[in-house]
Amino acid sequence: MAEMDLAGQRPLVIFSKSNCCICYAIEKLFYGYGASPVIHEPDELPNGQQLERELVALGQQPSVPTVFIGGSWLVVQMRS
């Protein structure tokens, strides 16, 4: 799975979208703690649709934001 390869790149990896305000807030949260995440935006990548399908297959619905810390998936629960 491509997302697992990308998720293991660095200690903190975030799958985001360029127009997602919740994704932006999560990125800023980690930056505020001094972290330097790798951010992948599937909507900006050539294989982005495949990455989104793989994230959904993990159980992440919607596909972003998805956060991996140390290669482990951090479940982010969204409530309306």
PDB file of N, CA and C in Angstrom:
ATOM      1  N   MET A   1       0.840  -1.186   0.000  1.00  0.00           N
ATOM      2  CA  MET A   1       0.000   0.000   0.000  1.00  0.00           C
ATOM      3  C   MET A   1       0.877   1.239   0.000  1.00  0.00           C
ATOM      4  N   ALA A   2       0.614   2.125  -0.907  1.00  0.00           N
ATOM      5  CA  ALA A   2       1.437   3.318  -1.081  1.00  0.00           C
ATOM      6  C   ALA A   2       1.401   4.229   0.133  1.00  0.00           C
ATOM      7  N   GLU A   3       0.219   4.355   0.771  1.00  0.00           N
ATOM      8  CA  GLU A   3       0.143   5.279   1.899  1.00  0.00           C
ATOM      9  C   GLU A   3       0.994   4.804   3.060  1.00  0.00           C
ATOM     10  N   MET A   4       1.145   3.485   3.230  1.00  0.00           N
ATOM     11  CA  MET A   4       1.981   2.980   4.307  1.00  0.00           C
ATOM     12  C   MET A   4       3.445   3.268   4.033  1.00  0.00           C
ATOM     13  N   ASP A   5       3.862   3.218   2.773  1.00  0.00           N
ATOM     14  CA  ASP A   5       5.233   3.587   2.420  1.00  0.00           C
ATOM     15  C   ASP A   5       5.466   5.059   2.740  1.00  0.00           C
ATOM     16  N   LEU A   6       4.510   5.907   2.368  1.00  0.00           N
ATOM     17  CA  LEU A   6       4.630   7.338   2.633  1.00  0.00           C
ATOM     18  C   LEU A   6       4.551   7.624   4.131  1.00  0.00           C
ATOM     19  N   ALA A   7       3.712   6.872   4.853  1.00  0.00           N
ATOM     20  CA  ALA A   7       3.524   7.103   6.285  1.00  0.00           C
ATOM     21  C   ALA A   7       4.781   6.800   7.090  1.00  0.00           C
ATOM     22  N   GLY A   8       5.641   5.932   6.581  1.00  0.00           N
ATOM     23  CA  GLY A   8       6.853   5.583   7.304  1.00  0.00           C
ATOM     24  C   GLY A   8       8.044   6.469   6.993  1.00  0.00           C
ATOM     25  N   GLN A   9       7.854   7.491   6.171  1.00  0.00           N
ATOM     26  CA  GLN A   9       8.961   8.354   5.761  1.00  0.00           C
ATOM     27  C   GLN A   9       9.603   9.092   6.923  1.00  0.00           C
ATOM     28  N   ARG A  10       8.783   9.636   7.802  1.00  0.00           N
ATOM     29  CA  ARG A  10       9.263  10.483   8.898  1.00  0.00           C
ATOM     30  C   ARG A  10       8.434  10.186  10.141  1.00  0.00           C
ATOM     31  N   PRO A  11       8.824  10.718  11.293  1.00  0.00           N
ATOM     32  CA  PRO A  11       8.068  10.449  12.522  1.00  0.00           C
ATOM     33  C   PRO A  11       6.614  10.952  12.486  1.00  0.00           C
ATOM     34  N   LEU A  12       6.347  12.023  11.744  1.00  0.00           N
ATOM     35  CA  LEU A  12       4.993  12.573  11.688  1.00  0.00           C
ATOM     36  C   LEU A  12       4.627  12.834  10.234  1.00  0.00           C
ATOM     37  N   VAL A  13       3.585  12.144   9.768  1.00  0.00           N
ATOM     38  CA  VAL A  13       3.123  12.274   8.390  1.00  0.00           C
ATOM     39  C   VAL A  13       1.628  12.574   8.417  1.00  0.00           C
ATOM     40  N   ILE A  14       1.232  13.595   7.667  1.00  0.00           N
ATOM     41  CA  ILE A  14      -0.174  13.987   7.595  1.00  0.00           C
ATOM     42  C   ILE A  14      -0.630  13.919   6.142  1.00  0.00           C
ATOM     43  N   PHE A  15      -1.751  13.218   5.922  1.00  0.00           N
ATOM     44  CA  PHE A  15      -2.416  13.244   4.623  1.00  0.00           C
ATOM     45  C   PHE A  15      -3.514  14.288   4.748  1.00  0.00           C
ATOM     46  N   SER A  16      -3.494  15.256   3.854  1.00  0.00           N
ATOM     47  CA  SER A  16      -4.329  16.436   3.950  1.00  0.00           C
ATOM     48  C   SER A  16      -4.911  16.744   2.578  1.00  0.00           C
ATOM     49  N   LYS A  17      -5.701  17.784   2.499  1.00  0.00           N
ATOM     50  CA  LYS A  17      -6.134  18.329   1.212  1.00  0.00           C
ATOM     51  C   LYS A  17      -5.904  19.824   1.244  1.00  0.00           C
ATOM     52  N   SER A  18      -5.574  20.367   0.102  1.00  0.00           N
ATOM     53  CA  SER A  18      -5.210  21.779   0.035  1.00  0.00           C
ATOM     54  C   SER A  18      -6.366  22.702   0.408  1.00  0.00           C
ATOM     55  N   ASN A  19      -7.604  22.258   0.291  1.00  0.00           N
ATOM     56  CA  ASN A  19      -8.750  23.126   0.575  1.00  0.00           C
ATOM     57  C   ASN A  19      -9.518  22.702   1.821  1.00  0.00           C
ATOM     58  N   CYS A  20      -8.920  21.912   2.701  1.00  0.00           N
ATOM     59  CA  CYS A  20      -9.601  21.380   3.890  1.00  0.00           C
ATOM     60  C   CYS A  20      -9.227  22.192   5.123  1.00  0.00           C
ATOM     61  N   CYS A  21     -10.207  22.888   5.700  1.00  0.00           N
ATOM     62  CA  CYS A  21      -9.914  23.739   6.855  1.00  0.00           C
ATOM     63  C   CYS A  21      -9.566  22.921   8.102  1.00  0.00           C
ATOM     64  N   ILE A  22     -10.153  21.733   8.257  1.00  0.00           N
ATOM     65  CA  ILE A  22      -9.814  20.887   9.407  1.00  0.00           C
ATOM     66  C   ILE A  22      -8.388  20.364   9.263  1.00  0.00           C
ATOM     67  N   CYS A  23      -8.008  20.002   8.048  1.00  0.00           N
ATOM     68  CA  CYS A  23      -6.633  19.562   7.791  1.00  0.00           C
ATOM     69  C   CYS A  23      -5.652  20.678   8.145  1.00  0.00           C
ATOM     70  N   TYR A  24      -5.982  21.891   7.731  1.00  0.00           N
ATOM     71  CA  TYR A  24      -5.138  23.047   8.015  1.00  0.00           C
ATOM     72  C   TYR A  24      -4.977  23.226   9.529  1.00  0.00           C
ATOM     73  N   ALA A  25      -6.080  23.089  10.266  1.00  0.00           N
ATOM     74  CA  ALA A  25      -6.032  23.255  11.726  1.00  0.00           C
ATOM     75  C   ALA A  25      -5.155  22.185  12.370  1.00  0.00           C
ATOM     76  N   ILE A  26      -5.237  20.954  11.896  1.00  0.00           N
ATOM     77  CA  ILE A  26      -4.409  19.881  12.448  1.00  0.00           C
ATOM     78  C   ILE A  26      -2.931  20.132  12.139  1.00  0.00           C
ATOM     79  N   GLU A  27      -2.638  20.575  10.924  1.00  0.00           N
ATOM     80  CA  GLU A  27      -1.257  20.906  10.576  1.00  0.00           C
ATOM     81  C   GLU A  27      -0.721  21.991  11.505  1.00  0.00           C
ATOM     82  N   LYS A  28      -1.501  23.047  11.697  1.00  0.00           N
ATOM     83  CA  LYS A  28      -1.074  24.155  12.565  1.00  0.00           C
ATOM     84  C   LYS A  28      -0.886  23.691  14.006  1.00  0.00           C
ATOM     85  N   LEU A  29      -1.739  22.765  14.467  1.00  0.00           N
ATOM     86  CA  LEU A  29      -1.607  22.227  15.818  1.00  0.00           C
ATOM     87  C   LEU A  29      -0.236  21.586  15.998  1.00  0.00           C
ATOM     88  N   PHE A  30       0.140  20.724  15.059  1.00  0.00           N
ATOM     89  CA  PHE A  30       1.437  20.056  15.180  1.00  0.00           C
ATOM     90  C   PHE A  30       2.600  21.040  15.019  1.00  0.00           C
ATOM     91  N   TYR A  31       2.475  21.977  14.088  1.00  0.00           N
ATOM     92  CA  TYR A  31       3.513  23.012  13.957  1.00  0.00           C
ATOM     93  C   TYR A  31       3.649  23.806  15.252  1.00  0.00           C
ATOM     94  N   GLY A  32       2.521  24.073  15.919  1.00  0.00           N
ATOM     95  CA  GLY A  32       2.533  24.810  17.178  1.00  0.00           C
ATOM     96  C   GLY A  32       3.302  24.101  18.280  1.00  0.00           C
ATOM     97  N   TYR A  33       3.375  22.780  18.199  1.00  0.00           N
ATOM     98  CA  TYR A  33       4.146  22.004  19.162  1.00  0.00           C
ATOM     99  C   TYR A  33       5.595  21.819  18.723  1.00  0.00           C
ATOM    100  N   GLY A  34       5.962  22.452  17.626  1.00  0.00           N
ATOM    101  CA  GLY A  34       7.339  22.392  17.159  1.00  0.00           C
ATOM    102  C   GLY A  34       7.649  21.202  16.263  1.00  0.00           C
ATOM    103  N   ALA A  35       6.629  20.466  15.861  1.00  0.00           N
ATOM    104  CA  ALA A  35       6.836  19.309  14.986  1.00  0.00           C
ATOM    105  C   ALA A  35       7.049  19.774  13.548  1.00  0.00           C
ATOM    106  N   SER A  36       7.708  18.937  12.787  1.00  0.00           N
ATOM    107  CA  SER A  36       7.932  19.201  11.362  1.00  0.00           C
ATOM    108  C   SER A  36       7.357  18.046  10.553  1.00  0.00           C
ATOM    109  N   PRO A  37       6.045  18.043  10.362  1.00  0.00           N
ATOM    110  CA  PRO A  37       5.437  16.913   9.652  1.00  0.00           C
ATOM    111  C   PRO A  37       5.724  16.932   8.157  1.00  0.00           C
ATOM    112  N   VAL A  38       5.684  15.740   7.576  1.00  0.00           N
ATOM    113  CA  VAL A  38       5.643  15.617   6.129  1.00  0.00           C
ATOM    114  C   VAL A  38       4.165  15.651   5.786  1.00  0.00           C
ATOM    115  N   ILE A  39       3.785  16.496   4.854  1.00  0.00           N
ATOM    116  CA  ILE A  39       2.380  16.639   4.483  1.00  0.00           C
ATOM    117  C   ILE A  39       2.203  16.191   3.036  1.00  0.00           C
ATOM    118  N   HIS A  40       1.297  15.239   2.845  1.00  0.00           N
ATOM    119  CA  HIS A  40       0.939  14.762   1.510  1.00  0.00           C
ATOM    120  C   HIS A  40      -0.489  15.202   1.236  1.00  0.00           C
ATOM    121  N   GLU A  41      -0.696  15.870   0.127  1.00  0.00           N
ATOM    122  CA  GLU A  41      -2.032  16.317  -0.258  1.00  0.00           C
ATOM    123  C   GLU A  41      -2.458  15.527  -1.496  1.00  0.00           C
ATOM    124  N   PRO A  42      -3.297  14.485  -1.302  1.00  0.00           N
ATOM    125  CA  PRO A  42      -3.699  13.649  -2.441  1.00  0.00           C
ATOM    126  C   PRO A  42      -4.315  14.434  -3.593  1.00  0.00           C
ATOM    127  N   ASP A  43      -4.992  15.540  -3.301  1.00  0.00           N
ATOM    128  CA  ASP A  43      -5.593  16.322  -4.384  1.00  0.00           C
ATOM    129  C   ASP A  43      -4.552  17.031  -5.235  1.00  0.00           C
ATOM    130  N   GLU A  44      -3.298  17.028  -4.800  1.00  0.00           N
ATOM    131  CA  GLU A  44      -2.212  17.657  -5.541  1.00  0.00           C
ATOM    132  C   GLU A  44      -1.248  16.632  -6.144  1.00  0.00           C
ATOM    133  N   LEU A  45      -1.495  15.340  -5.917  1.00  0.00           N
ATOM    134  CA  LEU A  45      -0.585  14.295  -6.375  1.00  0.00           C
ATOM    135  C   LEU A  45      -1.162  13.537  -7.566  1.00  0.00           C
ATOM    136  N   PRO A  46      -0.305  13.085  -8.484  1.00  0.00           N
ATOM    137  CA  PRO A  46      -0.796  12.321  -9.637  1.00  0.00           C
ATOM    138  C   PRO A  46      -1.520  11.030  -9.239  1.00  0.00           C
ATOM    139  N   ASN A  47      -1.075  10.380  -8.161  1.00  0.00           N
ATOM    140  CA  ASN A  47      -1.706   9.141  -7.692  1.00  0.00           C
ATOM    141  C   ASN A  47      -2.656   9.399  -6.523  1.00  0.00           C
ATOM    142  N   GLY A  48      -3.140  10.627  -6.416  1.00  0.00           N
ATOM    143  CA  GLY A  48      -3.945  11.033  -5.270  1.00  0.00           C
ATOM    144  C   GLY A  48      -5.223  10.249  -5.078  1.00  0.00           C
ATOM    145  N   GLN A  49      -5.925   9.931  -6.160  1.00  0.00           N
ATOM    146  CA  GLN A  49      -7.170   9.175  -6.024  1.00  0.00           C
ATOM    147  C   GLN A  49      -6.910   7.781  -5.459  1.00  0.00           C
ATOM    148  N   GLN A  50      -5.820   7.167  -5.886  1.00  0.00           N
ATOM    149  CA  GLN A  50      -5.459   5.852  -5.349  1.00  0.00           C
ATOM    150  C   GLN A  50      -5.122   5.959  -3.865  1.00  0.00           C
ATOM    151  N   LEU A  51      -4.371   6.986  -3.482  1.00  0.00           N
ATOM    152  CA  LEU A  51      -4.050   7.182  -2.067  1.00  0.00           C
ATOM    153  C   LEU A  51      -5.319   7.349  -1.242  1.00  0.00           C
ATOM    154  N   GLU A  52      -6.262   8.141  -1.735  1.00  0.00           N
ATOM    155  CA  GLU A  52      -7.514   8.332  -1.005  1.00  0.00           C
ATOM    156  C   GLU A  52      -8.270   7.019  -0.850  1.00  0.00           C
ATOM    157  N   ARG A  53      -8.315   6.205  -1.880  1.00  0.00           N
ATOM    158  CA  ARG A  53      -8.986   4.897  -1.786  1.00  0.00           C
ATOM    159  C   ARG A  53      -8.323   4.024  -0.726  1.00  0.00           C
ATOM    160  N   GLU A  54      -6.996   4.056  -0.659  1.00  0.00           N
ATOM    161  CA  GLU A  54      -6.276   3.263   0.335  1.00  0.00           C
ATOM    162  C   GLU A  54      -6.528   3.763   1.743  1.00  0.00           C
ATOM    163  N   LEU A  55      -6.618   5.068   1.924  1.00  0.00           N
ATOM    164  CA  LEU A  55      -6.919   5.621   3.247  1.00  0.00           C
ATOM    165  C   LEU A  55      -8.328   5.231   3.684  1.00  0.00           C
ATOM    166  N   VAL A  56      -9.276   5.288   2.766  1.00  0.00           N
ATOM    167  CA  VAL A  56     -10.646   4.875   3.080  1.00  0.00           C
ATOM    168  C   VAL A  56     -10.670   3.385   3.426  1.00  0.00           C
ATOM    169  N   ALA A  57      -9.871   2.578   2.724  1.00  0.00           N
ATOM    170  CA  ALA A  57      -9.813   1.132   2.995  1.00  0.00           C
ATOM    171  C   ALA A  57      -9.287   0.848   4.405  1.00  0.00           C
ATOM    172  N   LEU A  58      -8.468   1.760   4.954  1.00  0.00           N
ATOM    173  CA  LEU A  58      -7.998   1.616   6.332  1.00  0.00           C
ATOM    174  C   LEU A  58      -9.127   1.837   7.330  1.00  0.00           C
ATOM    175  N   GLY A  59     -10.172   2.510   6.888  1.00  0.00           N
ATOM    176  CA  GLY A  59     -11.272   2.844   7.776  1.00  0.00           C
ATOM    177  C   GLY A  59     -11.387   4.331   8.015  1.00  0.00           C
ATOM    178  N   GLN A  60     -10.575   5.117   7.348  1.00  0.00           N
ATOM    179  CA  GLN A  60     -10.598   6.573   7.508  1.00  0.00           C
ATOM    180  C   GLN A  60     -11.647   7.153   6.571  1.00  0.00           C
ATOM    181  N   GLN A  61     -12.741   7.650   7.124  1.00  0.00           N
ATOM    182  CA  GLN A  61     -13.805   8.234   6.307  1.00  0.00           C
ATOM    183  C   GLN A  61     -14.226   9.538   6.942  1.00  0.00           C
ATOM    184  N   PRO A  62     -14.047  10.682   6.340  1.00  0.00           N
ATOM    185  CA  PRO A  62     -13.439  10.894   5.034  1.00  0.00           C
ATOM    186  C   PRO A  62     -11.946  10.567   5.052  1.00  0.00           C
ATOM    187  N   SER A  63     -11.341  10.558   3.877  1.00  0.00           N
ATOM    188  CA  SER A  63      -9.954  10.096   3.751  1.00  0.00           C
ATOM    189  C   SER A  63      -8.943  11.019   4.417  1.00  0.00           C
ATOM    190  N   VAL A  64      -9.293  12.277   4.588  1.00  0.00           N
ATOM    191  CA  VAL A  64      -8.374  13.234   5.237  1.00  0.00           C
ATOM    192  C   VAL A  64      -9.152  14.042   6.271  1.00  0.00           C
ATOM    193  N   PRO A  65      -8.504  14.528   7.288  1.00  0.00           N
ATOM    194  CA  PRO A  65      -7.080  14.382   7.594  1.00  0.00           C
ATOM    195  C   PRO A  65      -6.775  12.992   8.147  1.00  0.00           C
ATOM    196  N   THR A  66      -5.632  12.486   7.769  1.00  0.00           N
ATOM    197  CA  THR A  66      -5.125  11.228   8.306  1.00  0.00           C
ATOM    198  C   THR A  66      -3.722  11.502   8.823  1.00  0.00           C
ATOM    199  N   VAL A  67      -3.459  11.080  10.057  1.00  0.00           N
ATOM    200  CA  VAL A  67      -2.184  11.366  10.716  1.00  0.00           C
ATOM    201  C   VAL A  67      -1.520  10.047  11.104  1.00  0.00           C
ATOM    202  N   PHE A  68      -0.238   9.940  10.782  1.00  0.00           N
ATOM    203  CA  PHE A  68       0.579   8.812  11.208  1.00  0.00           C
ATOM    204  C   PHE A  68       1.704   9.352  12.086  1.00  0.00           C
ATOM    205  N   ILE A  69       1.849   8.765  13.274  1.00  0.00           N
ATOM    206  CA  ILE A  69       2.936   9.123  14.183  1.00  0.00           C
ATOM    207  C   ILE A  69       3.773   7.868  14.382  1.00  0.00           C
ATOM    208  N   GLY A  70       5.044   7.956  14.029  1.00  0.00           N
ATOM    209  CA  GLY A  70       5.922   6.800  14.137  1.00  0.00           C
ATOM    210  C   GLY A  70       5.449   5.621  13.298  1.00  0.00           C
ATOM    211  N   GLY A  71       4.795   5.906  12.172  1.00  0.00           N
ATOM    212  CA  GLY A  71       4.300   4.859  11.298  1.00  0.00           C
ATOM    213  C   GLY A  71       2.970   4.266  11.722  1.00  0.00           C
ATOM    214  N   SER A  72       2.449   4.701  12.876  1.00  0.00           N
ATOM    215  CA  SER A  72       1.163   4.200  13.365  1.00  0.00           C
ATOM    216  C   SER A  72       0.069   5.219  13.078  1.00  0.00           C
ATOM    217  N   TRP A  73      -1.069   4.716  12.675  1.00  0.00           N
ATOM    218  CA  TRP A  73      -2.195   5.560  12.316  1.00  0.00           C
ATOM    219  C   TRP A  73      -2.843   6.115  13.575  1.00  0.00           C
ATOM    220  N   LEU A  74      -2.972   7.433  13.642  1.00  0.00           N
ATOM    221  CA  LEU A  74      -3.671   8.112  14.721  1.00  0.00           C
ATOM    222  C   LEU A  74      -5.105   8.360  14.240  1.00  0.00           C
ATOM    223  N   VAL A  75      -6.062   7.773  14.900  1.00  0.00           N
ATOM    224  CA  VAL A  75      -7.451   7.915  14.483  1.00  0.00           C
ATOM    225  C   VAL A  75      -7.952   9.283  14.914  1.00  0.00           C
ATOM    226  N   VAL A  76      -8.413  10.064  13.935  1.00  0.00           N
ATOM    227  CA  VAL A  76      -8.966  11.390  14.182  1.00  0.00           C
ATOM    228  C   VAL A  76     -10.476  11.290  14.003  1.00  0.00           C
ATOM    229  N   GLN A  77     -11.221  11.489  15.066  1.00  0.00           N
ATOM    230  CA  GLN A  77     -12.673  11.404  15.004  1.00  0.00           C
ATOM    231  C   GLN A  77     -13.260  12.783  14.750  1.00  0.00           C
ATOM    232  N   MET A  78     -14.115  12.874  13.742  1.00  0.00           N
ATOM    233  CA  MET A  78     -14.797  14.111  13.425  1.00  0.00           C
ATOM    234  C   MET A  78     -16.238  14.020  13.913  1.00  0.00           C
ATOM    235  N   ARG A  79     -16.695  15.045  14.583  1.00  0.00           N
ATOM    236  CA  ARG A  79     -18.089  15.093  15.043  1.00  0.00           C
ATOM    237  C   ARG A  79     -18.694  16.401  14.583  1.00  0.00           C
ATOM    238  N   SER A  80     -19.956  16.305  14.163  1.00  0.00           N
ATOM    239  CA  SER A  80     -20.632  17.534  13.718  1.00  0.00           C
ATOM    240  C   SER A  80     -21.598  18.033  14.760  1.00  0.00           C
TER     241      SER A  80
END
